[in-house]
Amino acid sequence: MADLDLVRRLGAADHGLAIVSTTRADGTVQASLVNAGVMAHPVDGHDVVAFVARGDAVKLKHLRRRSYANVVFRSGWEWVAVEGAAALCGPDDPHSGIEPTDVPDLLRAVFVAAGGTHDDWDEYDRVMAAEHRTAVFVEPQRISSNG
């Protein structure tokens, strides 16, 4: 049975690369490539799949309208999909339980959970703020795989 351990393993095997699918207003699917990983939700501590998106990203527009996403990780021919409700937290997407002053640290935590490292966190914070980056947390309501 697929679980978040498989998500962690496949995410680590391919640099945290994942395909995120959201739904357009007309019901068709939009997909994009992101870096994602598993981390504890900053409010209640349960594990979620998380990624960071630019404030002007089409996927955020879709998630603001319909907060549901599918995130697929793969390595070779092995894959796992996590789908569920998506919560947003960023300068344009306040989240109850998370103070706006905590967003920079939260964006760093998501980046690290997705396998990222950075040599200059102050520069990272500056870019994230300038681009109105938003953290996205996908609740693992359904996990499926080919394994």
N, C-alpha and C. Protein backbone atom coordinates (compact mmCIF):
# COMPACT_ATOMS: atom_id res chain seq x y z
N MET A 1 0.84 -1.18 0.00
CA MET A 1 0.00 0.00 0.00
C MET A 1 0.88 1.25 0.00
N ALA A 2 0.53 2.21 -0.84
CA ALA A 2 1.30 3.44 -0.93
C ALA A 2 1.10 4.28 0.32
N ASP A 3 2.18 4.93 0.75
CA ASP A 3 2.09 5.81 1.91
C ASP A 3 3.12 6.94 1.75
N LEU A 4 3.20 7.78 2.76
CA LEU A 4 4.11 8.93 2.67
C LEU A 4 5.58 8.52 2.70
N ASP A 5 5.90 7.32 3.21
CA ASP A 5 7.29 6.86 3.13
C ASP A 5 7.71 6.67 1.68
N LEU A 6 6.80 6.16 0.85
CA LEU A 6 7.08 6.02 -0.58
C LEU A 6 7.25 7.40 -1.21
N VAL A 7 6.43 8.36 -0.81
CA VAL A 7 6.55 9.73 -1.31
C VAL A 7 7.93 10.28 -0.96
N ARG A 8 8.35 10.09 0.28
CA ARG A 8 9.67 10.58 0.71
C ARG A 8 10.78 9.93 -0.13
N ARG A 9 10.69 8.61 -0.31
CA ARG A 9 11.73 7.88 -1.03
C ARG A 9 11.81 8.33 -2.50
N LEU A 10 10.68 8.41 -3.18
CA LEU A 10 10.70 8.81 -4.58
C LEU A 10 11.07 10.28 -4.73
N GLY A 11 10.62 11.12 -3.80
CA GLY A 11 11.00 12.52 -3.84
C GLY A 11 12.50 12.70 -3.72
N ALA A 12 13.11 11.99 -2.79
CA ALA A 12 14.56 12.07 -2.60
C ALA A 12 15.31 11.51 -3.79
N ALA A 13 14.75 10.51 -4.46
CA ALA A 13 15.42 9.87 -5.60
C ALA A 13 15.49 10.78 -6.82
N ASP A 14 14.60 11.77 -6.91
CA ASP A 14 14.59 12.64 -8.09
C ASP A 14 14.57 14.12 -7.72
N HIS A 15 15.37 14.49 -6.71
CA HIS A 15 15.59 15.89 -6.34
C HIS A 15 14.31 16.62 -5.94
N GLY A 16 13.31 15.90 -5.42
CA GLY A 16 12.06 16.53 -5.01
C GLY A 16 11.17 16.95 -6.16
N LEU A 17 11.51 16.55 -7.38
CA LEU A 17 10.69 16.95 -8.53
C LEU A 17 9.35 16.23 -8.51
N ALA A 18 8.31 16.98 -8.76
CA ALA A 18 6.96 16.42 -8.77
C ALA A 18 6.10 17.21 -9.74
N ILE A 19 5.08 16.56 -10.24
CA ILE A 19 4.09 17.22 -11.10
C ILE A 19 2.87 17.52 -10.25
N VAL A 20 2.46 18.79 -10.25
CA VAL A 20 1.26 19.21 -9.53
C VAL A 20 0.16 19.46 -10.55
N SER A 21 -0.99 18.85 -10.31
CA SER A 21 -2.15 19.07 -11.18
C SER A 21 -3.24 19.79 -10.41
N THR A 22 -3.80 20.81 -11.05
CA THR A 22 -4.90 21.58 -10.49
C THR A 22 -6.00 21.64 -11.55
N THR A 23 -7.15 22.17 -11.17
CA THR A 23 -8.28 22.22 -12.09
C THR A 23 -8.57 23.65 -12.52
N ARG A 24 -8.65 23.84 -13.83
CA ARG A 24 -9.01 25.14 -14.38
C ARG A 24 -10.51 25.40 -14.17
N ALA A 25 -10.93 26.63 -14.37
CA ALA A 25 -12.34 27.00 -14.21
C ALA A 25 -13.25 26.20 -15.14
N ASP A 26 -12.73 25.80 -16.31
CA ASP A 26 -13.56 25.04 -17.24
C ASP A 26 -13.55 23.53 -16.97
N GLY A 27 -12.88 23.12 -15.89
CA GLY A 27 -12.85 21.72 -15.50
C GLY A 27 -11.70 20.92 -16.08
N THR A 28 -10.90 21.51 -16.97
CA THR A 28 -9.76 20.80 -17.52
C THR A 28 -8.61 20.84 -16.52
N VAL A 29 -7.62 20.01 -16.75
CA VAL A 29 -6.50 19.87 -15.81
C VAL A 29 -5.30 20.68 -16.28
N GLN A 30 -4.66 21.36 -15.36
CA GLN A 30 -3.42 22.09 -15.61
C GLN A 30 -2.34 21.41 -14.77
N ALA A 31 -1.18 21.15 -15.35
CA ALA A 31 -0.09 20.50 -14.63
C ALA A 31 1.18 21.34 -14.73
N SER A 32 2.00 21.29 -13.68
CA SER A 32 3.27 21.99 -13.70
C SER A 32 4.28 21.23 -12.84
N LEU A 33 5.54 21.48 -13.11
CA LEU A 33 6.64 20.85 -12.39
C LEU A 33 7.05 21.72 -11.21
N VAL A 34 7.21 21.11 -10.04
CA VAL A 34 7.63 21.82 -8.83
C VAL A 34 8.65 20.96 -8.08
N ASN A 35 9.27 21.55 -7.08
CA ASN A 35 10.01 20.79 -6.08
C ASN A 35 9.10 20.67 -4.88
N ALA A 36 8.89 19.45 -4.41
CA ALA A 36 7.97 19.22 -3.30
C ALA A 36 8.56 18.19 -2.34
N GLY A 37 8.02 18.16 -1.15
CA GLY A 37 8.45 17.18 -0.16
C GLY A 37 7.42 17.02 0.92
N VAL A 38 7.67 16.09 1.81
CA VAL A 38 6.78 15.83 2.94
C VAL A 38 7.32 16.57 4.15
N MET A 39 6.42 17.22 4.87
CA MET A 39 6.80 17.92 6.10
C MET A 39 5.60 17.98 7.03
N ALA A 40 5.86 18.35 8.27
CA ALA A 40 4.79 18.53 9.23
C ALA A 40 4.07 19.84 8.94
N HIS A 41 2.74 19.80 8.94
CA HIS A 41 1.96 21.03 8.75
C HIS A 41 2.31 21.98 9.90
N PRO A 42 2.55 23.25 9.60
CA PRO A 42 3.02 24.18 10.64
C PRO A 42 1.99 24.49 11.72
N VAL A 43 0.73 24.19 11.51
CA VAL A 43 -0.28 24.48 12.53
C VAL A 43 -0.59 23.25 13.38
N ASP A 44 -0.91 22.13 12.74
CA ASP A 44 -1.33 20.96 13.53
C ASP A 44 -0.33 19.82 13.55
N GLY A 45 0.76 19.92 12.80
CA GLY A 45 1.84 18.95 12.89
C GLY A 45 1.67 17.66 12.10
N HIS A 46 0.53 17.44 11.45
CA HIS A 46 0.39 16.20 10.67
C HIS A 46 1.13 16.34 9.34
N ASP A 47 1.56 15.22 8.79
CA ASP A 47 2.35 15.25 7.56
C ASP A 47 1.51 15.64 6.35
N VAL A 48 2.08 16.51 5.54
CA VAL A 48 1.47 16.98 4.30
C VAL A 48 2.55 16.99 3.22
N VAL A 49 2.12 17.06 1.98
CA VAL A 49 3.04 17.31 0.87
C VAL A 49 3.05 18.82 0.66
N ALA A 50 4.25 19.39 0.58
CA ALA A 50 4.36 20.84 0.51
C ALA A 50 5.26 21.27 -0.64
N PHE A 51 4.92 22.42 -1.21
CA PHE A 51 5.76 23.05 -2.23
C PHE A 51 5.54 24.55 -2.15
N VAL A 52 6.41 25.29 -2.83
CA VAL A 52 6.34 26.75 -2.87
C VAL A 52 6.03 27.17 -4.30
N ALA A 53 5.13 28.15 -4.45
CA ALA A 53 4.75 28.64 -5.78
C ALA A 53 4.86 30.16 -5.82
N ARG A 54 5.21 30.66 -6.99
CA ARG A 54 5.23 32.12 -7.20
C ARG A 54 3.83 32.67 -6.97
N GLY A 55 3.75 33.87 -6.48
CA GLY A 55 2.46 34.50 -6.21
C GLY A 55 1.60 34.68 -7.45
N ASP A 56 2.23 34.78 -8.62
CA ASP A 56 1.47 34.96 -9.86
C ASP A 56 1.29 33.66 -10.63
N ALA A 57 1.61 32.52 -10.02
CA ALA A 57 1.51 31.23 -10.72
C ALA A 57 0.05 30.86 -11.00
N VAL A 58 -0.16 30.31 -12.17
CA VAL A 58 -1.51 29.88 -12.57
C VAL A 58 -2.05 28.85 -11.58
N LYS A 59 -1.19 27.95 -11.09
CA LYS A 59 -1.65 26.92 -10.15
C LYS A 59 -2.23 27.55 -8.88
N LEU A 60 -1.69 28.69 -8.44
CA LEU A 60 -2.25 29.35 -7.26
C LEU A 60 -3.63 29.93 -7.57
N LYS A 61 -3.78 30.49 -8.75
CA LYS A 61 -5.09 30.99 -9.17
C LYS A 61 -6.12 29.86 -9.09
N HIS A 62 -5.74 28.70 -9.61
CA HIS A 62 -6.66 27.55 -9.57
C HIS A 62 -6.92 27.09 -8.15
N LEU A 63 -5.87 27.03 -7.32
CA LEU A 63 -6.02 26.57 -5.94
C LEU A 63 -6.83 27.55 -5.09
N ARG A 64 -6.75 28.83 -5.41
CA ARG A 64 -7.56 29.81 -4.69
C ARG A 64 -9.05 29.61 -4.98
N ARG A 65 -9.35 29.15 -6.18
CA ARG A 65 -10.73 28.91 -6.57
C ARG A 65 -11.22 27.54 -6.10
N ARG A 66 -10.41 26.53 -6.29
CA ARG A 66 -10.75 25.16 -5.89
C ARG A 66 -9.52 24.57 -5.21
N SER A 67 -9.57 24.48 -3.91
CA SER A 67 -8.38 24.11 -3.13
C SER A 67 -8.20 22.59 -3.07
N TYR A 68 -7.86 22.01 -4.22
CA TYR A 68 -7.62 20.58 -4.31
C TYR A 68 -6.53 20.34 -5.34
N ALA A 69 -5.58 19.45 -5.02
CA ALA A 69 -4.46 19.20 -5.92
C ALA A 69 -4.07 17.74 -5.92
N ASN A 70 -3.37 17.35 -6.97
CA ASN A 70 -2.78 16.04 -7.10
C ASN A 70 -1.29 16.26 -7.35
N VAL A 71 -0.44 15.59 -6.57
CA VAL A 71 1.01 15.74 -6.69
C VAL A 71 1.60 14.37 -6.97
N VAL A 72 2.33 14.24 -8.09
CA VAL A 72 2.91 12.96 -8.49
C VAL A 72 4.43 13.03 -8.43
N PHE A 73 5.01 12.07 -7.71
CA PHE A 73 6.46 11.89 -7.64
C PHE A 73 6.80 10.63 -8.42
N ARG A 74 8.00 10.60 -9.03
CA ARG A 74 8.40 9.40 -9.76
C ARG A 74 9.92 9.24 -9.70
N SER A 75 10.33 8.02 -9.88
CA SER A 75 11.73 7.68 -10.06
C SER A 75 11.75 6.45 -10.95
N GLY A 76 12.36 6.59 -12.12
CA GLY A 76 12.28 5.51 -13.09
C GLY A 76 10.82 5.28 -13.44
N TRP A 77 10.40 4.01 -13.39
CA TRP A 77 9.02 3.66 -13.70
C TRP A 77 8.14 3.61 -12.47
N GLU A 78 8.68 3.88 -11.32
CA GLU A 78 7.90 3.85 -10.07
C GLU A 78 7.32 5.24 -9.81
N TRP A 79 6.08 5.30 -9.40
CA TRP A 79 5.44 6.59 -9.14
C TRP A 79 4.47 6.48 -7.97
N VAL A 80 4.18 7.63 -7.38
CA VAL A 80 3.18 7.73 -6.32
C VAL A 80 2.48 9.08 -6.46
N ALA A 81 1.17 9.07 -6.29
CA ALA A 81 0.36 10.29 -6.39
C ALA A 81 -0.31 10.56 -5.05
N VAL A 82 -0.26 11.80 -4.63
CA VAL A 82 -0.93 12.24 -3.40
C VAL A 82 -1.95 13.28 -3.81
N GLU A 83 -3.19 13.08 -3.41
CA GLU A 83 -4.20 14.09 -3.72
C GLU A 83 -4.99 14.44 -2.48
N GLY A 84 -5.44 15.70 -2.47
CA GLY A 84 -6.23 16.15 -1.35
C GLY A 84 -6.40 17.65 -1.34
N ALA A 85 -7.05 18.11 -0.30
CA ALA A 85 -7.28 19.54 -0.13
C ALA A 85 -5.95 20.27 0.02
N ALA A 86 -5.89 21.46 -0.55
CA ALA A 86 -4.67 22.25 -0.51
C ALA A 86 -4.91 23.53 0.29
N ALA A 87 -4.02 23.80 1.23
CA ALA A 87 -4.07 25.03 2.02
C ALA A 87 -2.90 25.91 1.59
N LEU A 88 -3.13 27.21 1.52
CA LEU A 88 -2.13 28.18 1.07
C LEU A 88 -1.70 29.06 2.23
N CYS A 89 -0.43 29.47 2.20
CA CYS A 89 0.07 30.41 3.19
C CYS A 89 1.17 31.26 2.56
N GLY A 90 0.88 32.54 2.41
CA GLY A 90 1.85 33.45 1.83
C GLY A 90 1.39 34.88 2.00
N PRO A 91 2.13 35.83 1.45
CA PRO A 91 1.77 37.24 1.63
C PRO A 91 0.40 37.60 1.06
N ASP A 92 -0.04 36.90 0.03
CA ASP A 92 -1.36 37.15 -0.56
C ASP A 92 -2.40 36.12 -0.13
N ASP A 93 -1.97 35.18 0.70
CA ASP A 93 -2.83 34.08 1.14
C ASP A 93 -2.63 33.83 2.62
N PRO A 94 -3.18 34.69 3.48
CA PRO A 94 -3.02 34.48 4.91
C PRO A 94 -3.65 33.15 5.35
N HIS A 95 -3.06 32.53 6.34
CA HIS A 95 -3.51 31.24 6.85
C HIS A 95 -3.73 31.40 8.35
N SER A 96 -4.91 31.01 8.82
CA SER A 96 -5.17 31.12 10.26
C SER A 96 -4.21 30.21 11.00
N GLY A 97 -3.65 30.73 12.06
CA GLY A 97 -2.69 29.98 12.85
C GLY A 97 -1.25 30.24 12.47
N ILE A 98 -1.01 30.97 11.39
CA ILE A 98 0.35 31.29 10.97
C ILE A 98 0.46 32.80 10.84
N GLU A 99 1.34 33.37 11.60
CA GLU A 99 1.54 34.82 11.56
C GLU A 99 2.29 35.22 10.28
N PRO A 100 1.95 36.36 9.70
CA PRO A 100 2.68 36.82 8.50
C PRO A 100 4.19 36.89 8.70
N THR A 101 4.62 37.21 9.91
CA THR A 101 6.06 37.29 10.19
C THR A 101 6.73 35.92 10.17
N ASP A 102 5.94 34.84 10.25
CA ASP A 102 6.49 33.48 10.22
C ASP A 102 6.63 32.93 8.80
N VAL A 103 6.08 33.63 7.80
CA VAL A 103 6.09 33.13 6.42
C VAL A 103 7.51 32.90 5.89
N PRO A 104 8.48 33.80 6.09
CA PRO A 104 9.82 33.53 5.56
C PRO A 104 10.42 32.22 6.08
N ASP A 105 10.31 31.97 7.38
CA ASP A 105 10.82 30.71 7.94
C ASP A 105 10.05 29.52 7.39
N LEU A 106 8.76 29.68 7.19
CA LEU A 106 7.93 28.61 6.65
C LEU A 106 8.36 28.28 5.21
N LEU A 107 8.59 29.29 4.39
CA LEU A 107 9.03 29.05 3.01
C LEU A 107 10.39 28.34 2.99
N ARG A 108 11.26 28.69 3.92
CA ARG A 108 12.54 27.99 4.03
C ARG A 108 12.32 26.52 4.38
N ALA A 109 11.44 26.26 5.33
CA ALA A 109 11.17 24.88 5.77
C ALA A 109 10.61 24.04 4.63
N VAL A 110 9.72 24.61 3.83
CA VAL A 110 9.16 23.89 2.69
C VAL A 110 10.27 23.60 1.67
N PHE A 111 11.10 24.59 1.40
CA PHE A 111 12.21 24.43 0.46
C PHE A 111 13.14 23.30 0.90
N VAL A 112 13.48 23.27 2.17
CA VAL A 112 14.35 22.22 2.71
C VAL A 112 13.66 20.86 2.64
N ALA A 113 12.37 20.80 2.96
CA ALA A 113 11.62 19.54 2.89
C ALA A 113 11.61 18.99 1.47
N ALA A 114 11.69 19.88 0.48
CA ALA A 114 11.71 19.47 -0.92
C ALA A 114 13.13 19.16 -1.40
N GLY A 115 14.08 19.13 -0.48
CA GLY A 115 15.45 18.78 -0.82
C GLY A 115 16.35 19.95 -1.15
N GLY A 116 15.86 21.17 -0.95
CA GLY A 116 16.63 22.35 -1.30
C GLY A 116 17.64 22.76 -0.24
N THR A 117 18.69 23.41 -0.69
CA THR A 117 19.68 24.04 0.18
C THR A 117 19.97 25.42 -0.41
N HIS A 118 20.51 26.30 0.40
CA HIS A 118 20.82 27.64 -0.10
C HIS A 118 22.04 28.18 0.62
N ASP A 119 22.89 28.90 -0.11
CA ASP A 119 24.10 29.48 0.46
C ASP A 119 23.86 30.84 1.10
N ASP A 120 22.74 31.49 0.75
CA ASP A 120 22.47 32.84 1.26
C ASP A 120 20.97 32.96 1.57
N TRP A 121 20.60 32.61 2.80
CA TRP A 121 19.18 32.60 3.17
C TRP A 121 18.57 34.00 3.15
N ASP A 122 19.37 35.03 3.40
CA ASP A 122 18.83 36.39 3.33
C ASP A 122 18.41 36.72 1.89
N GLU A 123 19.22 36.31 0.92
CA GLU A 123 18.87 36.51 -0.48
C GLU A 123 17.64 35.68 -0.85
N TYR A 124 17.60 34.45 -0.36
CA TYR A 124 16.43 33.59 -0.59
C TYR A 124 15.17 34.29 -0.08
N ASP A 125 15.21 34.79 1.15
CA ASP A 125 14.06 35.48 1.73
C ASP A 125 13.66 36.69 0.89
N ARG A 126 14.65 37.45 0.40
CA ARG A 126 14.37 38.63 -0.41
C ARG A 126 13.63 38.25 -1.69
N VAL A 127 14.11 37.23 -2.37
CA VAL A 127 13.49 36.78 -3.62
C VAL A 127 12.08 36.25 -3.36
N MET A 128 11.92 35.47 -2.30
CA MET A 128 10.60 34.91 -1.98
C MET A 128 9.59 36.04 -1.72
N ALA A 129 10.02 37.06 -1.00
CA ALA A 129 9.12 38.19 -0.72
C ALA A 129 8.81 38.97 -1.99
N ALA A 130 9.82 39.23 -2.82
CA ALA A 130 9.62 39.99 -4.06
C ALA A 130 8.67 39.27 -5.01
N GLU A 131 8.71 37.94 -5.01
CA GLU A 131 7.87 37.14 -5.90
C GLU A 131 6.55 36.71 -5.26
N HIS A 132 6.30 37.22 -4.05
CA HIS A 132 5.07 36.88 -3.31
C HIS A 132 4.86 35.37 -3.25
N ARG A 133 5.94 34.64 -2.97
CA ARG A 133 5.88 33.18 -2.93
C ARG A 133 4.93 32.71 -1.84
N THR A 134 4.25 31.63 -2.13
CA THR A 134 3.24 31.05 -1.24
C THR A 134 3.56 29.59 -1.00
N ALA A 135 3.44 29.15 0.24
CA ALA A 135 3.58 27.74 0.58
C ALA A 135 2.23 27.06 0.34
N VAL A 136 2.29 25.87 -0.25
CA VAL A 136 1.09 25.08 -0.51
C VAL A 136 1.23 23.77 0.25
N PHE A 137 0.20 23.42 1.02
CA PHE A 137 0.19 22.19 1.81
C PHE A 137 -0.96 21.31 1.31
N VAL A 138 -0.61 20.14 0.78
CA VAL A 138 -1.62 19.22 0.26
C VAL A 138 -1.85 18.12 1.29
N GLU A 139 -3.08 18.03 1.74
CA GLU A 139 -3.50 17.01 2.71
C GLU A 139 -3.55 15.66 1.99
N PRO A 140 -2.83 14.65 2.48
CA PRO A 140 -2.84 13.34 1.81
C PRO A 140 -4.13 12.56 2.06
N GLN A 141 -5.18 12.91 1.33
CA GLN A 141 -6.47 12.24 1.49
C GLN A 141 -6.53 10.94 0.70
N ARG A 142 -5.77 10.87 -0.39
CA ARG A 142 -5.69 9.65 -1.19
C ARG A 142 -4.27 9.53 -1.71
N ILE A 143 -3.68 8.36 -1.53
CA ILE A 143 -2.33 8.08 -2.03
C ILE A 143 -2.44 6.82 -2.89
N SER A 144 -1.94 6.92 -4.12
CA SER A 144 -1.96 5.76 -5.01
C SER A 144 -0.61 5.63 -5.69
N SER A 145 -0.31 4.42 -6.13
CA SER A 145 0.97 4.18 -6.80
C SER A 145 0.85 2.97 -7.71
N ASN A 146 1.93 2.73 -8.44
CA ASN A 146 1.95 1.54 -9.29
C ASN A 146 2.63 0.37 -8.58
N GLY A 147 2.95 0.56 -7.30
CA GLY A 147 3.65 -0.48 -6.55
C GLY A 147 2.76 -1.35 -5.70
